[in-house]
Amino acid sequence: MSSALQNSINTDLDQSDMHGAITAFPDQLRESFKIMENWTPLKEYSGIQKIMILGMGGSAIGGDLAKVIAQYHCLVPIIVNRSYTIPQWVDSNTLIFASSYSGDTEETLSTFSQCQERNCPILVFSTGGVLSQHAIDMDLDWISIPKGFQPRAALGFSFTLMLLVLEYLGLIPPKVVEEIKNSITPLENLSSQLSQMENSSLTIAKDIYATCPIIYGSEEMSWVAALRFRCQLAENAKMLSFHHNIPEQNHNEIEGWNRNANIMRQFSLIWLRDIDDYHRTQTRMDISSCLLESIPKCQLTISQSGANRVERLLKLIHYTDWISYYAALLNKVDPTPVNRIQELKKRIALNA
């Protein structure tokens, strides 16, 4: 990082190098291809009628991103399950991706056991822990994720590895993973730009770090970027924010912008947009932005250019990750530790 940028914000706060973890995002995509280069499954996977991804927090967001990228190509539905329990329809024709970076996520271990009882085909994505030991003991396919990251900072591994498995199993076409591979260099270029002084992500962070951001994406694709952005602001910048999606927001939440003007002046309104959003969605965003003009402290639009929707979505997520990093430093906090989450886990363990 440049010395000028260090003078602009206190980078010494980043004691655990979240800067390096965010910069590593495109490297994680590249390494995922190497991990799967000679992969051969232990099990056979046939008759798959649906796919369910088990996960929480940073491990679940990889499932969300894999789902969004695959949704226009995969012929079976993909569901991300964030719960202690599984739906009744889960059966032996349901392919299960059990995703837990640590391998010790309580909710994921609970649903893993239930899926095992229903004879589901299961693949495990983890660095180790109890979940990986279960995979070894039960002779399940285990995709070993590299260690050394916070779960939320291992997104490049989690979604790419899942999509590579889906491609190997013939559930999505090679085109999907080719678009991911072709996004690596553009992501590296973007990351380099956002590491420099006076970059646009730092400018946005300065606009929103002292506000409560309200983030709106589209139901087509950018909803996952909105969700990711909210989670990153919470864990990295220790900021509360909210997100919703268009067009659903137009059928309820837009009416909530009518009262408590003094509170809403503390909001920043952020639109995550893509040139290929459905045309009526784009129109709704335009009109909604006008209707909400001058109510929040500021309105911002974030979008990315790129060869296709996959590249633009990955760049949008990477861009907003950088905003959350700079917002953390502006809020004078180390972006890596999640002390309240760790304390909650300790207390939950005592009440097991």
Protein backbone atom coordinates (compact mmCIF):
# COMPACT_ATOMS: atom_id res chain seq x y z
CA MET A 1 0.00 0.00 0.00
CA SER A 2 1.29 3.48 -0.86
CA SER A 3 2.65 5.74 1.89
CA ALA A 4 0.23 8.46 0.76
CA LEU A 5 -2.71 6.16 1.39
CA GLN A 6 -1.28 5.27 4.78
CA ASN A 7 -1.24 9.00 5.56
CA SER A 8 -4.90 9.26 4.53
CA ILE A 9 -6.08 6.46 6.83
CA ASN A 10 -4.45 4.50 9.63
CA THR A 11 -3.52 1.20 8.00
CA ASP A 12 -1.74 0.13 11.20
CA LEU A 13 -5.19 -0.76 12.52
CA ASP A 14 -5.20 -3.73 10.10
CA GLN A 15 -3.25 -5.98 12.47
CA SER A 16 -4.26 -9.26 10.79
CA ASP A 17 -3.85 -8.10 7.17
CA MET A 18 -7.42 -8.04 5.90
CA HIS A 19 -5.93 -5.92 3.11
CA GLY A 20 -3.94 -8.96 1.98
CA ALA A 21 -6.94 -11.26 2.32
CA ILE A 22 -9.09 -9.03 0.10
CA THR A 23 -6.28 -8.62 -2.41
CA ALA A 24 -6.02 -12.44 -2.56
CA PHE A 25 -9.55 -12.85 -3.97
CA PRO A 26 -8.49 -13.36 -7.62
CA ASP A 27 -5.61 -15.59 -6.46
CA GLN A 28 -8.16 -17.80 -4.71
CA LEU A 29 -10.03 -18.28 -7.97
CA ARG A 30 -6.82 -19.29 -9.73
CA GLU A 31 -5.79 -21.65 -6.93
CA SER A 32 -9.23 -23.29 -6.95
CA PHE A 33 -8.71 -24.35 -10.54
CA LYS A 34 -5.37 -25.88 -9.54
CA ILE A 35 -6.96 -27.71 -6.60
CA MET A 36 -9.57 -29.30 -8.87
CA GLU A 37 -7.27 -29.89 -11.84
CA ASN A 38 -6.82 -33.62 -11.18
CA TRP A 39 -9.78 -34.16 -8.87
CA THR A 40 -11.64 -37.45 -9.15
CA PRO A 41 -14.60 -38.13 -6.86
CA LEU A 42 -14.75 -41.17 -4.62
CA LYS A 43 -18.48 -41.51 -5.14
CA GLU A 44 -20.81 -41.62 -8.11
CA TYR A 45 -23.44 -38.91 -8.35
CA SER A 46 -26.41 -39.79 -10.54
CA GLY A 47 -30.11 -39.10 -10.52
CA ILE A 48 -29.62 -35.68 -8.94
CA GLN A 49 -32.92 -33.80 -8.88
CA LYS A 50 -32.01 -30.88 -6.62
CA ILE A 51 -29.01 -29.37 -4.85
CA MET A 52 -28.88 -28.05 -1.30
CA ILE A 53 -25.92 -26.16 0.15
CA LEU A 54 -25.49 -26.25 3.92
CA GLY A 55 -23.70 -23.31 5.49
CA MET A 56 -23.72 -20.26 7.69
CA GLY A 57 -22.14 -16.83 7.46
CA GLY A 58 -19.02 -16.61 5.34
CA SER A 59 -19.37 -20.25 4.27
CA ALA A 60 -22.98 -19.80 3.15
CA ILE A 61 -22.30 -16.73 1.03
CA GLY A 62 -20.16 -18.91 -1.25
CA GLY A 63 -23.22 -21.06 -1.79
CA ASP A 64 -25.31 -18.01 -2.59
CA LEU A 65 -22.80 -16.82 -5.15
CA ALA A 66 -22.48 -20.27 -6.73
CA LYS A 67 -26.27 -20.46 -6.93
CA VAL A 68 -26.61 -17.06 -8.61
CA ILE A 69 -23.89 -17.77 -11.16
CA ALA A 70 -25.28 -21.25 -11.96
CA GLN A 71 -28.97 -20.35 -11.96
CA TYR A 72 -29.32 -19.61 -15.68
CA HIS A 73 -27.57 -22.86 -16.66
CA CYS A 74 -28.29 -25.53 -14.04
CA LEU A 75 -31.32 -27.71 -14.83
CA VAL A 76 -32.02 -28.57 -11.19
CA PRO A 77 -32.85 -26.11 -8.40
CA ILE A 78 -30.17 -24.97 -5.96
CA ILE A 79 -31.12 -24.01 -2.40
CA VAL A 80 -28.91 -22.57 0.34
CA ASN A 81 -29.94 -23.82 3.79
CA ARG A 82 -29.05 -21.66 6.81
CA SER A 83 -30.62 -23.57 9.66
CA TYR A 84 -30.32 -26.35 12.22
CA THR A 85 -32.88 -28.38 10.26
CA ILE A 86 -33.59 -29.43 6.68
CA PRO A 87 -36.84 -29.43 4.67
CA GLN A 88 -38.95 -32.57 4.38
CA TRP A 89 -38.36 -32.82 0.62
CA VAL A 90 -34.64 -33.56 1.06
CA ASP A 91 -34.01 -37.15 -0.05
CA SER A 92 -31.52 -39.48 -1.70
CA ASN A 93 -31.81 -37.52 -4.96
CA THR A 94 -30.72 -34.30 -3.27
CA LEU A 95 -27.04 -33.48 -3.76
CA ILE A 96 -25.66 -31.90 -0.60
CA PHE A 97 -22.73 -29.50 -0.41
CA ALA A 98 -21.81 -29.20 3.28
CA SER A 99 -19.78 -26.00 3.53
CA SER A 100 -18.01 -24.95 6.73
CA TYR A 101 -14.65 -23.24 6.58
CA SER A 102 -13.71 -24.30 10.10
CA GLY A 103 -15.50 -27.63 9.87
CA ASP A 104 -17.03 -26.97 13.28
CA THR A 105 -20.09 -24.84 12.48
CA GLU A 106 -22.83 -26.06 14.82
CA GLU A 107 -25.77 -25.56 12.47
CA THR A 108 -23.98 -27.19 9.52
CA LEU A 109 -23.03 -30.23 11.59
CA SER A 110 -26.67 -30.57 12.64
CA THR A 111 -28.01 -30.50 9.07
CA PHE A 112 -25.16 -32.71 7.84
CA SER A 113 -26.29 -35.47 10.24
CA GLN A 114 -29.89 -35.16 9.07
CA CYS A 115 -28.84 -35.40 5.42
CA GLN A 116 -26.75 -38.46 6.24
CA GLU A 117 -29.80 -40.10 7.82
CA ARG A 118 -31.75 -39.54 4.60
CA ASN A 119 -29.02 -41.16 2.49
CA CYS A 120 -28.22 -37.98 0.58
CA PRO A 121 -25.09 -37.86 -1.56
CA ILE A 122 -22.83 -35.41 0.30
CA LEU A 123 -19.68 -33.51 -0.57
CA VAL A 124 -17.81 -31.62 2.15
CA PHE A 125 -16.05 -28.27 1.64
CA SER A 126 -13.89 -27.42 4.64
CA THR A 127 -10.39 -26.82 5.98
CA GLY A 128 -10.72 -29.54 8.61
CA GLY A 129 -12.57 -29.84 11.90
CA VAL A 130 -15.36 -32.22 12.81
CA LEU A 131 -17.04 -31.99 9.42
CA SER A 132 -13.92 -33.06 7.55
CA GLN A 133 -13.36 -35.90 10.00
CA HIS A 134 -16.90 -37.09 9.30
CA ALA A 135 -16.10 -37.05 5.57
CA ILE A 136 -12.98 -39.16 6.16
CA ASP A 137 -14.77 -41.61 8.46
CA MET A 138 -17.70 -42.03 6.05
CA ASP A 139 -15.60 -42.13 2.86
CA LEU A 140 -17.28 -39.00 1.51
CA ASP A 141 -15.77 -36.66 -1.03
CA TRP A 142 -13.98 -33.87 0.83
CA ILE A 143 -12.77 -30.77 -0.98
CA SER A 144 -10.02 -29.38 1.26
CA ILE A 145 -10.04 -25.57 1.34
CA PRO A 146 -6.72 -23.82 2.07
CA LYS A 147 -6.38 -22.59 5.65
CA GLY A 148 -5.34 -19.22 7.01
CA PHE A 149 -8.31 -17.01 6.19
CA GLN A 150 -11.36 -15.72 7.98
CA PRO A 151 -14.36 -17.63 6.53
CA ARG A 152 -15.70 -14.46 4.89
CA ALA A 153 -12.29 -13.85 3.31
CA ALA A 154 -12.22 -17.30 1.66
CA LEU A 155 -15.13 -16.54 -0.69
CA GLY A 156 -13.00 -17.05 -3.81
CA PHE A 157 -12.36 -20.65 -2.80
CA SER A 158 -15.83 -21.53 -1.60
CA PHE A 159 -17.92 -20.53 -4.62
CA THR A 160 -15.35 -21.49 -7.27
CA LEU A 161 -14.78 -24.97 -5.85
CA MET A 162 -18.53 -25.60 -5.75
CA LEU A 163 -18.99 -24.54 -9.35
CA LEU A 164 -16.05 -26.66 -10.49
CA VAL A 165 -17.66 -29.69 -8.84
CA LEU A 166 -20.99 -28.91 -10.54
CA GLU A 167 -19.20 -28.61 -13.87
CA TYR A 168 -17.36 -31.91 -13.32
CA LEU A 169 -20.66 -33.64 -12.54
CA GLY A 170 -22.23 -32.24 -15.72
CA LEU A 171 -24.77 -30.11 -13.85
CA ILE A 172 -23.55 -26.86 -15.42
CA PRO A 173 -21.80 -26.30 -18.76
CA PRO A 174 -18.05 -25.56 -19.04
CA LYS A 175 -18.93 -22.02 -20.16
CA VAL A 176 -19.75 -21.07 -16.56
CA VAL A 177 -16.34 -21.91 -15.11
CA GLU A 178 -14.62 -20.44 -18.18
CA GLU A 179 -16.24 -17.09 -17.38
CA ILE A 180 -14.88 -17.34 -13.85
CA LYS A 181 -11.39 -18.13 -15.13
CA ASN A 182 -11.56 -15.24 -17.57
CA SER A 183 -12.51 -12.91 -14.70
CA ILE A 184 -9.25 -13.47 -12.81
CA THR A 185 -7.13 -10.92 -14.69
CA PRO A 186 -9.81 -8.18 -14.63
CA LEU A 187 -10.20 -8.78 -10.88
CA GLU A 188 -6.43 -8.46 -10.41
CA ASN A 189 -6.47 -5.19 -12.30
CA LEU A 190 -9.36 -3.89 -10.20
CA SER A 191 -7.67 -4.96 -6.97
CA SER A 192 -4.52 -3.12 -7.97
CA GLN A 193 -6.50 0.05 -8.64
CA LEU A 194 -8.32 -0.13 -5.31
CA SER A 195 -5.08 -0.50 -3.38
CA GLN A 196 -3.94 2.92 -4.58
CA MET A 197 -4.39 6.33 -3.03
CA GLU A 198 -7.60 8.24 -3.83
CA ASN A 199 -9.42 5.30 -5.36
CA SER A 200 -13.20 5.38 -5.76
CA SER A 201 -13.94 2.69 -3.16
CA LEU A 202 -12.17 4.81 -0.51
CA THR A 203 -14.20 7.82 -1.62
CA ILE A 204 -17.44 5.87 -1.15
CA ALA A 205 -16.26 4.58 2.22
CA LYS A 206 -15.70 8.19 3.32
CA ASP A 207 -19.28 8.99 2.24
CA ILE A 208 -20.92 6.15 4.17
CA TYR A 209 -18.76 5.11 7.14
CA ALA A 210 -20.62 7.38 9.57
CA THR A 211 -24.07 6.43 8.21
CA CYS A 212 -26.38 3.43 8.26
CA PRO A 213 -26.25 2.18 4.65
CA ILE A 214 -29.42 0.91 2.98
CA ILE A 215 -28.33 -1.30 0.07
CA TYR A 216 -30.60 -2.21 -2.85
CA GLY A 217 -29.76 -4.80 -5.51
CA SER A 218 -31.79 -6.61 -8.18
CA GLU A 219 -33.57 -9.93 -7.77
CA GLU A 220 -31.78 -11.13 -10.90
CA MET A 221 -28.18 -11.18 -9.65
CA SER A 222 -26.96 -8.24 -7.59
CA TRP A 223 -29.02 -9.26 -4.56
CA VAL A 224 -26.11 -11.50 -3.61
CA ALA A 225 -23.72 -8.55 -3.83
CA ALA A 226 -26.10 -6.55 -1.62
CA LEU A 227 -26.20 -9.36 0.94
CA ARG A 228 -22.41 -9.75 0.83
CA PHE A 229 -21.92 -5.99 1.21
CA ARG A 230 -24.18 -5.88 4.28
CA CYS A 231 -22.32 -8.79 5.88
CA GLN A 232 -18.91 -7.27 5.11
CA LEU A 233 -19.89 -3.91 6.56
CA ALA A 234 -20.98 -5.74 9.73
CA GLU A 235 -17.93 -7.97 10.14
CA ASN A 236 -15.21 -5.72 8.73
CA ALA A 237 -16.37 -2.19 9.49
CA LYS A 238 -18.50 -3.11 12.56
CA MET A 239 -21.37 -1.15 10.97
CA LEU A 240 -25.06 -1.92 10.95
CA SER A 241 -26.64 -1.76 7.49
CA PHE A 242 -29.65 -3.23 5.71
CA HIS A 243 -30.38 -4.60 2.25
CA HIS A 244 -33.37 -5.36 0.06
CA ASN A 245 -33.99 -6.19 -3.58
CA ILE A 246 -35.88 -4.67 -6.50
CA PRO A 247 -38.69 -5.29 -7.48
CA GLU A 248 -39.80 -6.68 -4.08
CA GLN A 249 -38.74 -3.49 -2.30
CA ASN A 250 -41.29 -1.59 -4.39
CA HIS A 251 -44.12 -3.63 -2.88
CA ASN A 252 -43.42 -2.82 0.77
CA GLU A 253 -40.24 -1.10 1.96
CA ILE A 254 -40.42 1.96 -0.25
CA GLU A 255 -43.44 3.09 1.79
CA GLY A 256 -41.32 2.99 4.94
CA TRP A 257 -39.35 6.03 3.81
CA ASN A 258 -42.22 8.34 4.84
CA ARG A 259 -41.56 9.08 8.53
CA ASN A 260 -38.77 9.80 11.02
CA ALA A 261 -36.95 12.17 8.70
CA ASN A 262 -34.30 12.91 11.31
CA ILE A 263 -33.40 9.21 11.48
CA MET A 264 -33.37 8.77 7.71
CA ARG A 265 -30.92 11.64 7.37
CA GLN A 266 -28.44 9.23 8.97
CA PHE A 267 -28.97 6.71 6.15
CA SER A 268 -26.94 6.39 2.98
CA LEU A 269 -28.80 4.81 0.07
CA ILE A 270 -26.72 2.56 -2.20
CA TRP A 271 -27.92 1.08 -5.50
CA LEU A 272 -26.06 -1.94 -6.88
CA ARG A 273 -26.84 -2.07 -10.59
CA ASP A 274 -25.89 -4.03 -13.69
CA ILE A 275 -26.46 -3.19 -17.34
CA ASP A 276 -28.17 -6.55 -17.85
CA ASP A 277 -30.69 -6.17 -15.03
CA TYR A 278 -34.19 -6.86 -16.36
CA HIS A 279 -35.39 -3.71 -18.11
CA ARG A 280 -38.40 -3.24 -15.84
CA THR A 281 -36.13 -3.64 -12.81
CA GLN A 282 -33.93 -0.85 -14.18
CA THR A 283 -36.96 1.37 -14.64
CA ARG A 284 -38.11 0.66 -11.10
CA MET A 285 -34.67 1.57 -9.75
CA ASP A 286 -34.70 4.85 -11.69
CA ILE A 287 -38.15 5.84 -10.44
CA SER A 288 -37.49 4.67 -6.88
CA SER A 289 -34.29 6.72 -6.72
CA CYS A 290 -36.23 9.82 -7.80
CA LEU A 291 -39.01 9.19 -5.27
CA LEU A 292 -36.44 8.90 -2.47
CA GLU A 293 -34.41 11.90 -3.57
CA SER A 294 -33.14 14.11 -0.73
CA ILE A 295 -34.49 11.81 2.03
CA PRO A 296 -31.23 10.00 3.00
CA LYS A 297 -27.95 11.73 3.67
CA CYS A 298 -26.73 10.64 0.24
CA GLN A 299 -27.55 8.33 -2.67
CA LEU A 300 -24.85 6.38 -4.49
CA THR A 301 -24.88 3.98 -7.44
CA ILE A 302 -22.26 1.26 -7.75
CA SER A 303 -21.82 -0.81 -10.90
CA GLN A 304 -18.98 -2.47 -12.76
CA SER A 305 -18.02 -2.95 -16.40
CA GLY A 306 -16.96 -6.29 -17.81
CA ALA A 307 -17.29 -8.82 -20.60
CA ASN A 308 -20.26 -10.65 -19.06
CA ARG A 309 -22.54 -10.75 -16.02
CA VAL A 310 -20.30 -13.13 -14.09
CA GLU A 311 -17.25 -10.89 -14.41
CA ARG A 312 -19.26 -7.80 -13.48
CA LEU A 313 -20.83 -9.52 -10.46
CA LEU A 314 -17.46 -10.72 -9.14
CA LYS A 315 -16.00 -7.25 -9.63
CA LEU A 316 -18.99 -5.70 -7.85
CA ILE A 317 -18.49 -7.99 -4.86
CA HIS A 318 -14.75 -7.34 -4.81
CA TYR A 319 -15.32 -3.60 -5.06
CA THR A 320 -17.72 -3.52 -2.12
CA ASP A 321 -15.35 -5.70 -0.08
CA TRP A 322 -12.80 -2.91 -0.47
CA ILE A 323 -15.37 -0.32 0.64
CA SER A 324 -15.98 -2.31 3.82
CA TYR A 325 -12.22 -2.47 4.44
CA TYR A 326 -11.74 1.27 4.13
CA ALA A 327 -14.87 1.92 6.20
CA ALA A 328 -13.32 -0.18 8.97
CA LEU A 329 -10.18 1.94 9.01
CA LEU A 330 -12.22 5.14 8.93
CA ASN A 331 -14.16 3.79 11.90
CA LYS A 332 -10.80 3.17 13.61
CA VAL A 333 -11.24 -0.58 14.00
CA ASP A 334 -9.23 -3.63 12.96
CA PRO A 335 -11.35 -5.24 10.22
CA THR A 336 -10.43 -8.85 11.02
CA PRO A 337 -11.50 -9.71 14.62
CA VAL A 338 -15.15 -10.59 15.21
CA ASN A 339 -15.09 -10.53 19.00
CA ARG A 340 -18.83 -10.47 19.55
CA ILE A 341 -19.33 -13.50 17.28
CA GLN A 342 -16.62 -15.38 19.16
CA GLU A 343 -18.14 -14.49 22.52
CA LEU A 344 -21.55 -15.64 21.29
CA LYS A 345 -20.05 -18.98 20.19
CA LYS A 346 -18.48 -19.47 23.62
CA ARG A 347 -21.77 -18.82 25.38
CA ILE A 348 -23.70 -21.07 22.98
CA ALA A 349 -21.19 -23.87 23.63
CA LEU A 350 -21.75 -23.53 27.37
CA ASN A 351 -25.49 -23.98 26.79
CA ALA A 352 -25.19 -27.06 24.55
